Every structure is written in structure tokens, then in C-alpha cells.
Amino acid sequence: MLPCGGFDDIKRVAKTILHNKKRFGESVHFVVKELTPCIRYNDFHMLITAGAQSIVDHTKSDAVLYDQIRLASMTKMEANYLSETSLFRQFESPVDESGFVSYDAFKSLTLNAIEVCRNTQIEYALVELTPFSSVPLTEAMSYSQMKRRGDIACQIDGRILIFFSSLRRYEIHQALLNVFAVAPSELFVEQSQYTDADEIITRLSSIQAIDYPEQPSATETESNNATPASRFASRADWDQL
């Protein structure tokens, strides 16, 4: 039984299984136990392809784990003689970066990943998050804790965009729980999800990257005459009122 306690363990576990299956063939049996929610669908298939006979998710009890270990001991799985490079190319995300990047970098990495993944088994999702008016964007961003390679984000026009470069739609909820230290439902009033390549391309093409200037400090605005809030406002001369 091989434990998998986080994103960084997945590749190591896959290498261990692949190496030992090549060495010992069907005489060695592997069951992978997920300790925390970290194994996505592409990781599952990578581990199975490497030679794991069962993946027990983090919600299952020790009794279920024991049953799977017993079942694995009674079954056989031949070795898969794929190279490590071939295995990872087939199932790993094509995005090496993680965390927040500039919008231009985000758009470029996302569009490139979509193109690379067109003829693979890798699926992905773009998530657009709009914070509550009571939650400043900087505060929402401060709760992010993106750890998985291939998960990238950016902030644009008061919103947060996240591209999960390897997951299925049903995994988005758990992925967001992993990303934020606070429940997303407490931070964001609106959430939009895009999992189709054409939808993602269209959405990114429609976004205008606008950098808003910082608001001046209170000391800079102290004046006898009020500064117009917009180009449609008239300057007020308080001495005349």
C-alpha cells in the first residue's frame, strides 16, 4: 500500500509503481491510499496505467482499504513498459507554472495548453470568480494557496480567473476548496465555469485587460474644491454654496 498525501506525492508514487512493475511484473501488487483530496481524474488514470490495481480515496474507511488490499492480492496486473517520459506526457498538465501570473501570461499559457491538449485525454476548466462587494479583491486573493503545478490564476477587472489545466467539471468544487483557505461561497458572489475549448477561447477573447489607476490618498483629496468623480461631474466651489 502506497500513501499519497498531497499533489507532490503523485508523481513519486507513479514512478515507484512503474519501476517496480517493470522489475517484478505481475507478482507485485499496489494499492494507493489518498490521504488528502489531491488525486484528480488524470492522476487516477496515470496511476492505474503505471500499474496500481486500486486507488482508495480519502473518504473511505480503513475497512474499505483493507478490502481493496485483499482484492489486489488475489488479482494480477501485467507490467506496463511505458517510459516515465511517455507516461507523464500522456497524463500530466502541459503547464509548468502555478499561482498568480499577469493576465497576458495567463491568457498565453491557457490558450497554449488548450492547443497542446486537443488530442490527449487531459481535460481542463476556466473558472471566473466575482467577489462580494464587501470583499476587496486583494483580500480574496490573499486567501489563495495554489500549490498544484498547472493551476494558474490572474486578477482582471475586479475578478479572479483560474485555469485548472487538468481536471473534470465535477472536480472543480474540490479544487476551489483546495485553492482558498476560506470557503469560496464566503468570498464570491458569482462563479462561472467553462470547460469547452471554444467557450474558453471566446471568453478570454472578450475580456479587455484594463489597469485601473490607484485611488489617491485622503490627504491628496483634501481641498476647498471637490474633485469630479468622473468626467460627467461638475467641479463644486464650496465658497459659492
Protein backbone atom coordinates (compact mmCIF):
# COMPACT_ATOMS: atom_id res chain seq x y z
CA MET A 1 0.00 0.00 0.00
CA LEU A 2 1.37 3.40 -1.03
CA PRO A 3 0.08 6.54 0.73
CA CYS A 4 -0.50 9.72 -1.26
CA GLY A 5 -0.64 12.74 1.00
CA GLY A 6 -0.59 15.62 -1.47
CA PHE A 7 -0.01 16.86 -5.00
CA ASP A 8 3.76 16.44 -4.72
CA ASP A 9 3.39 12.73 -3.88
CA ILE A 10 1.52 11.73 -7.03
CA LYS A 11 4.46 11.71 -9.43
CA ARG A 12 6.70 9.95 -6.91
CA VAL A 13 4.10 7.23 -6.32
CA ALA A 14 3.62 6.74 -10.09
CA LYS A 15 7.39 6.36 -10.56
CA THR A 16 7.59 3.82 -7.73
CA ILE A 17 4.79 1.73 -9.21
CA LEU A 18 6.14 1.90 -12.76
CA HIS A 19 9.68 0.96 -11.70
CA ASN A 20 8.63 -1.99 -9.54
CA LYS A 21 6.10 -3.35 -12.04
CA LYS A 22 8.82 -3.37 -14.68
CA ARG A 23 11.14 -5.16 -12.27
CA PHE A 24 8.78 -7.70 -10.70
CA GLY A 25 5.88 -7.86 -13.16
CA GLU A 26 2.52 -9.25 -12.06
CA SER A 27 3.97 -10.67 -8.83
CA VAL A 28 3.90 -7.25 -7.13
CA HIS A 29 0.61 -5.57 -6.22
CA PHE A 30 -0.07 -1.89 -5.49
CA VAL A 31 -2.95 -0.11 -3.80
CA VAL A 32 -2.76 3.68 -3.48
CA LYS A 33 -4.44 5.37 -0.48
CA GLU A 34 -5.29 9.04 -0.89
CA LEU A 35 -4.75 10.73 2.49
CA THR A 36 -6.00 14.20 1.50
CA PRO A 37 -8.12 15.21 -1.53
CA CYS A 38 -5.41 15.53 -4.17
CA ILE A 39 -5.85 12.84 -6.83
CA ARG A 40 -7.71 14.16 -9.89
CA TYR A 41 -9.06 12.06 -12.74
CA ASN A 42 -5.86 12.30 -14.82
CA ASP A 43 -3.77 11.29 -11.78
CA PHE A 44 -6.07 8.30 -11.26
CA HIS A 45 -5.57 7.10 -14.83
CA MET A 46 -1.82 7.74 -14.66
CA LEU A 47 -1.51 5.60 -11.52
CA ILE A 48 -3.65 2.82 -13.00
CA THR A 49 -1.63 2.89 -16.23
CA ALA A 50 1.60 2.71 -14.20
CA GLY A 51 0.30 -0.48 -12.58
CA ALA A 52 -1.77 0.38 -9.49
CA GLN A 53 -4.64 -2.05 -9.01
CA SER A 54 -6.77 0.20 -6.86
CA ILE A 55 -7.00 3.85 -5.79
CA VAL A 56 -8.77 4.34 -2.45
CA ASP A 57 -9.93 7.94 -1.99
CA HIS A 58 -9.60 9.93 1.22
CA THR A 59 -13.24 9.48 2.23
CA LYS A 60 -13.02 5.69 2.51
CA SER A 61 -12.52 3.92 5.82
CA ASP A 62 -9.67 1.60 6.79
CA ALA A 63 -12.08 -1.31 6.34
CA VAL A 64 -12.54 -0.39 2.67
CA LEU A 65 -8.77 -0.03 2.30
CA TYR A 66 -8.26 -3.50 3.75
CA ASP A 67 -10.83 -4.94 1.34
CA GLN A 68 -9.04 -3.36 -1.62
CA ILE A 69 -5.66 -4.66 -0.46
CA ARG A 70 -7.10 -8.14 -0.12
CA LEU A 71 -8.72 -7.93 -3.55
CA ALA A 72 -5.48 -6.71 -5.13
CA SER A 73 -3.57 -9.66 -3.65
CA MET A 74 -5.93 -12.04 -5.45
CA THR A 75 -5.70 -10.40 -8.87
CA LYS A 76 -2.92 -9.93 -11.38
CA MET A 77 -1.87 -6.94 -13.44
CA GLU A 78 0.86 -7.20 -16.01
CA ALA A 79 3.65 -4.65 -16.15
CA ASN A 80 3.27 -1.61 -18.38
CA TYR A 81 6.56 -0.98 -20.16
CA LEU A 82 5.92 2.68 -20.86
CA SER A 83 8.81 5.01 -20.12
CA GLU A 84 8.35 7.61 -17.39
CA THR A 85 8.50 10.32 -20.04
CA SER A 86 5.72 8.73 -22.09
CA LEU A 87 3.55 8.17 -19.02
CA PHE A 88 3.82 11.75 -17.79
CA ARG A 89 3.38 13.23 -21.26
CA GLN A 90 0.13 11.31 -21.62
CA PHE A 91 -1.43 12.35 -18.32
CA GLU A 92 0.34 15.41 -16.88
CA SER A 93 -0.65 19.03 -17.41
CA PRO A 94 1.31 20.88 -20.12
CA VAL A 95 1.50 23.93 -17.84
CA ASP A 96 4.60 24.11 -15.62
CA GLU A 97 3.64 27.27 -13.74
CA SER A 98 1.38 27.63 -10.71
CA GLY A 99 -0.16 30.51 -8.79
CA PHE A 100 -0.91 34.07 -9.87
CA VAL A 101 0.57 35.44 -13.09
CA SER A 102 -0.12 38.52 -15.21
CA TYR A 103 -3.23 38.48 -17.39
CA ASP A 104 -1.15 38.36 -20.59
CA ALA A 105 0.82 35.37 -19.28
CA PHE A 106 -2.40 33.73 -18.07
CA LYS A 107 -4.07 34.08 -21.46
CA SER A 108 -1.00 32.83 -23.33
CA LEU A 109 -0.48 29.80 -21.06
CA THR A 110 -4.18 28.89 -21.17
CA LEU A 111 -4.51 29.08 -24.95
CA ASN A 112 -1.29 27.13 -25.42
CA ALA A 113 -2.45 24.40 -23.02
CA ILE A 114 -5.76 24.07 -24.87
CA GLU A 115 -3.92 23.62 -28.16
CA VAL A 116 -1.49 21.06 -26.71
CA CYS A 117 -4.32 19.06 -25.11
CA ARG A 118 -6.55 18.82 -28.19
CA ASN A 119 -5.62 15.22 -28.97
CA THR A 120 -4.98 13.98 -25.44
CA GLN A 121 -7.07 12.64 -22.56
CA ILE A 122 -6.43 15.78 -20.50
CA GLU A 123 -9.44 17.94 -19.63
CA TYR A 124 -9.42 21.42 -18.10
CA ALA A 125 -11.58 24.28 -16.83
CA LEU A 126 -11.62 28.07 -16.66
CA VAL A 127 -13.33 29.49 -13.57
CA GLU A 128 -14.28 33.16 -13.26
CA LEU A 129 -14.90 34.44 -9.73
CA THR A 130 -16.54 37.75 -8.76
CA PRO A 131 -16.05 38.76 -5.10
CA PHE A 132 -18.83 40.17 -2.94
CA SER A 133 -18.83 43.97 -2.90
CA SER A 134 -17.87 43.75 0.78
CA VAL A 135 -14.76 41.68 -0.03
CA PRO A 136 -11.90 43.65 -1.63
CA LEU A 137 -10.20 41.80 -4.47
CA THR A 138 -6.85 41.95 -2.68
CA GLU A 139 -8.41 40.27 0.35
CA ALA A 140 -9.91 37.48 -1.76
CA MET A 141 -6.52 36.95 -3.42
CA SER A 142 -4.78 36.81 -0.03
CA TYR A 143 -6.75 33.67 0.85
CA SER A 144 -5.47 31.78 -2.19
CA GLN A 145 -2.99 28.96 -1.63
CA MET A 146 -2.39 27.46 -5.05
CA LYS A 147 0.02 24.56 -4.70
CA ARG A 148 -0.58 22.30 -7.66
CA ARG A 149 1.59 22.60 -10.75
CA GLY A 150 -0.58 23.62 -13.70
CA ASP A 151 -3.15 25.61 -11.71
CA ILE A 152 -2.74 29.29 -12.63
CA ALA A 153 -4.69 32.44 -11.84
CA CYS A 154 -4.83 36.15 -12.55
CA GLN A 155 -6.85 39.16 -11.44
CA ILE A 156 -8.54 41.32 -14.03
CA ASP A 157 -11.24 43.99 -13.86
CA GLY A 158 -12.22 43.19 -10.26
CA ARG A 159 -12.42 39.44 -10.80
CA ILE A 160 -10.21 36.38 -10.38
CA LEU A 161 -9.69 33.95 -13.26
CA ILE A 162 -8.37 30.46 -12.53
CA PHE A 163 -7.33 27.93 -15.15
CA PHE A 164 -7.22 24.35 -13.89
CA SER A 165 -5.20 22.69 -16.62
CA SER A 166 -6.05 19.11 -15.65
CA LEU A 167 -9.40 18.30 -14.09
CA ARG A 168 -13.01 17.47 -14.92
CA ARG A 169 -16.06 19.62 -14.20
CA TYR A 170 -17.16 17.56 -11.18
CA GLU A 171 -13.74 18.18 -9.58
CA ILE A 172 -13.97 22.00 -9.73
CA HIS A 173 -15.72 22.32 -6.34
CA GLN A 174 -12.99 20.38 -4.51
CA ALA A 175 -10.26 22.17 -6.48
CA LEU A 176 -11.60 25.56 -5.32
CA LEU A 177 -11.73 24.33 -1.72
CA ASN A 178 -8.07 23.37 -2.08
CA VAL A 179 -7.16 26.75 -3.57
CA PHE A 180 -8.77 29.02 -0.95
CA ALA A 181 -8.21 28.98 2.80
CA VAL A 182 -11.76 30.33 3.20
CA ALA A 183 -14.82 28.70 1.63
CA PRO A 184 -15.30 30.22 -1.86
CA SER A 185 -19.01 30.74 -1.09
CA GLU A 186 -18.00 33.27 1.58
CA LEU A 187 -15.80 35.25 -0.81
CA PHE A 188 -17.52 35.21 -4.18
CA VAL A 189 -21.00 36.28 -5.19
CA GLU A 190 -20.74 34.79 -8.67
CA GLN A 191 -18.90 31.86 -10.23
CA SER A 192 -18.79 30.98 -13.93
CA GLN A 193 -17.29 27.74 -15.25
CA TYR A 194 -16.08 26.98 -18.77
CA THR A 195 -14.87 23.51 -19.77
CA ASP A 196 -15.24 23.60 -23.55
CA ALA A 197 -12.20 24.78 -25.55
CA ASP A 198 -14.19 27.12 -27.79
CA GLU A 199 -16.04 28.61 -24.81
CA ILE A 200 -12.78 29.35 -23.02
CA ILE A 201 -11.18 30.89 -26.11
CA THR A 202 -14.25 33.06 -26.71
CA ARG A 203 -14.40 34.20 -23.08
CA LEU A 204 -10.72 35.15 -22.94
CA SER A 205 -11.02 36.99 -26.25
CA SER A 206 -13.91 39.07 -24.89
CA ILE A 207 -12.06 40.26 -21.79
CA GLN A 208 -10.48 43.69 -22.06
CA ALA A 209 -7.41 43.92 -19.88
CA ILE A 210 -7.83 47.27 -18.14
CA ASP A 211 -5.47 48.50 -15.45
CA TYR A 212 -7.33 50.89 -13.18
CA PRO A 213 -5.24 53.65 -11.55
CA GLU A 214 -4.97 53.55 -7.78
CA GLN A 215 -7.27 55.87 -5.86
CA PRO A 216 -5.46 58.92 -4.43
CA SER A 217 -4.90 59.02 -0.68
CA ALA A 218 -7.17 61.04 1.59
CA THR A 219 -4.51 63.74 2.10
CA GLU A 220 -4.27 64.26 -1.64
CA THR A 221 -8.01 64.89 -1.94
CA GLU A 222 -8.32 67.43 0.84
CA SER A 223 -9.15 70.67 -0.91
CA ASN A 224 -11.65 73.52 -0.81
CA ASN A 225 -12.82 72.44 -4.24
CA ALA A 226 -14.11 68.89 -4.73
CA THR A 227 -12.51 66.82 -7.50
CA PRO A 228 -15.03 65.44 -10.01
CA ALA A 229 -15.63 61.72 -9.54
CA SER A 230 -15.93 61.25 -13.29
CA ARG A 231 -15.76 63.19 -16.50
CA PHE A 232 -19.53 63.74 -16.25
CA ALA A 233 -19.38 65.52 -12.87
CA SER A 234 -19.07 69.29 -12.41
CA ARG A 235 -16.50 70.82 -10.10
CA ALA A 236 -18.12 72.29 -6.98
CA ASP A 237 -16.91 75.58 -5.50
CA TRP A 238 -17.86 75.23 -1.83
CA ASP A 239 -17.39 79.02 -1.21
CA GLN A 240 -20.28 79.73 -3.55
CA LEU A 241 -22.70 77.30 -1.86
